Amino acid sequence: MKLITVDQFRQRYFDQESQPQRRTVRSWIDAGEVPGKIVGKLYYVDEDAWLAGTHDALVERVLQSA
């Protein structure tokens, strides 16, 4: 499991003009739509799980429409 910050996730996987808000990514993690972990009050995305394709179909549709 490789954890990256929400900001790193936004920068790596979205074009600058289509980056979701931080709170949107956090809500995706809360809902289980993006694999991640909350440490204290900080949110992290599990990059390995994301790249393995274990993320939610909703997020996949959002990425395809961008």
C-alpha atoms as a PDB file:
ATOM      1  CA  MET A   1       0.000   0.000   0.000  1.00  0.00           C
ATOM      2  CA  LYS A   2       1.484   3.300  -1.119  1.00  0.00           C
ATOM      3  CA  LEU A   3      -0.341   6.256   0.389  1.00  0.00           C
ATOM      4  CA  ILE A   4      -0.285   9.634  -1.333  1.00  0.00           C
ATOM      5  CA  THR A   5      -1.892  12.882  -0.242  1.00  0.00           C
ATOM      6  CA  VAL A   6      -5.142  14.095  -1.741  1.00  0.00           C
ATOM      7  CA  ASP A   7      -3.242  16.914  -3.450  1.00  0.00           C
ATOM      8  CA  GLN A   8      -0.749  14.486  -4.989  1.00  0.00           C
ATOM      9  CA  PHE A   9      -3.646  12.351  -6.230  1.00  0.00           C
ATOM     10  CA  ARG A  10      -5.360  15.364  -7.801  1.00  0.00           C
ATOM     11  CA  GLN A  11      -2.159  16.483  -9.537  1.00  0.00           C
ATOM     12  CA  ARG A  12      -1.177  13.026 -10.846  1.00  0.00           C
ATOM     13  CA  TYR A  13      -4.528  11.808 -12.110  1.00  0.00           C
ATOM     14  CA  PHE A  14      -6.396  14.927 -13.232  1.00  0.00           C
ATOM     15  CA  ASP A  15      -5.573  17.750 -15.605  1.00  0.00           C
ATOM     16  CA  GLN A  16      -5.246  21.068 -13.829  1.00  0.00           C
ATOM     17  CA  GLU A  17      -8.512  22.359 -15.278  1.00  0.00           C
ATOM     18  CA  SER A  18     -10.468  19.248 -14.302  1.00  0.00           C
ATOM     19  CA  GLN A  19      -9.113  18.618 -10.797  1.00  0.00           C
ATOM     20  CA  PRO A  20     -11.858  17.901  -8.280  1.00  0.00           C
ATOM     21  CA  GLN A  21     -11.949  19.887  -5.076  1.00  0.00           C
ATOM     22  CA  ARG A  22     -10.094  18.419  -2.091  1.00  0.00           C
ATOM     23  CA  ARG A  23     -13.369  17.919  -0.259  1.00  0.00           C
ATOM     24  CA  THR A  24     -14.721  15.944  -3.243  1.00  0.00           C
ATOM     25  CA  VAL A  25     -11.798  13.509  -3.104  1.00  0.00           C
ATOM     26  CA  ARG A  26     -12.231  13.224   0.661  1.00  0.00           C
ATOM     27  CA  SER A  27     -15.916  12.398   0.210  1.00  0.00           C
ATOM     28  CA  TRP A  28     -14.987   9.771  -2.437  1.00  0.00           C
ATOM     29  CA  ILE A  29     -12.659   8.184   0.138  1.00  0.00           C
ATOM     30  CA  ASP A  30     -15.391   8.333   2.827  1.00  0.00           C
ATOM     31  CA  ALA A  31     -17.851   6.656   0.430  1.00  0.00           C
ATOM     32  CA  GLY A  32     -15.334   4.008  -0.624  1.00  0.00           C
ATOM     33  CA  GLU A  33     -15.321   5.217  -4.226  1.00  0.00           C
ATOM     34  CA  VAL A  34     -11.580   5.886  -4.056  1.00  0.00           C
ATOM     35  CA  PRO A  35      -9.362   3.564  -2.018  1.00  0.00           C
ATOM     36  CA  GLY A  36      -7.820   5.469   0.826  1.00  0.00           C
ATOM     37  CA  LYS A  37      -7.143   5.861   4.479  1.00  0.00           C
ATOM     38  CA  ILE A  38      -7.698   8.546   7.076  1.00  0.00           C
ATOM     39  CA  VAL A  39      -4.824   9.095   9.494  1.00  0.00           C
ATOM     40  CA  GLY A  40      -5.859  11.479  12.222  1.00  0.00           C
ATOM     41  CA  LYS A  41      -7.574  14.219  10.238  1.00  0.00           C
ATOM     42  CA  LEU A  42      -5.516  13.702   7.078  1.00  0.00           C
ATOM     43  CA  TYR A  43      -6.803  11.819   4.054  1.00  0.00           C
ATOM     44  CA  TYR A  44      -4.589   9.670   1.850  1.00  0.00           C
ATOM     45  CA  VAL A  45      -5.285   7.774  -1.369  1.00  0.00           C
ATOM     46  CA  ASP A  46      -3.995   4.206  -1.679  1.00  0.00           C
ATOM     47  CA  GLU A  47      -2.215   4.641  -5.001  1.00  0.00           C
ATOM     48  CA  ASP A  48      -1.427   0.936  -5.422  1.00  0.00           C
ATOM     49  CA  ALA A  49      -5.109  -0.015  -5.097  1.00  0.00           C
ATOM     50  CA  TRP A  50      -6.103   2.848  -7.408  1.00  0.00           C
ATOM     51  CA  LEU A  51      -3.669   1.685 -10.092  1.00  0.00           C
ATOM     52  CA  ALA A  52      -4.732  -1.940  -9.656  1.00  0.00           C
ATOM     53  CA  GLY A  53      -8.206  -0.944 -10.747  1.00  0.00           C
ATOM     54  CA  THR A  54      -9.982  -1.637  -7.486  1.00  0.00           C
ATOM     55  CA  HIS A  55     -11.582   1.805  -7.494  1.00  0.00           C
ATOM     56  CA  ASP A  56     -15.269   2.412  -7.958  1.00  0.00           C
ATOM     57  CA  ALA A  57     -17.055   2.434 -11.313  1.00  0.00           C
ATOM     58  CA  LEU A  58     -18.445   5.915 -10.600  1.00  0.00           C
ATOM     59  CA  VAL A  59     -14.957   7.367 -10.414  1.00  0.00           C
ATOM     60  CA  GLU A  60     -14.020   5.516 -13.610  1.00  0.00           C
ATOM     61  CA  ARG A  61     -16.953   7.175 -15.412  1.00  0.00           C
ATOM     62  CA  VAL A  62     -15.930  10.593 -14.071  1.00  0.00           C
ATOM     63  CA  LEU A  63     -12.376  10.100 -15.327  1.00  0.00           C
ATOM     64  CA  GLN A  64     -13.566   8.960 -18.755  1.00  0.00           C
ATOM     65  CA  SER A  65     -15.804  11.999 -19.179  1.00  0.00           C
ATOM     66  CA  ALA A  66     -13.026  14.457 -18.290  1.00  0.00           C
END
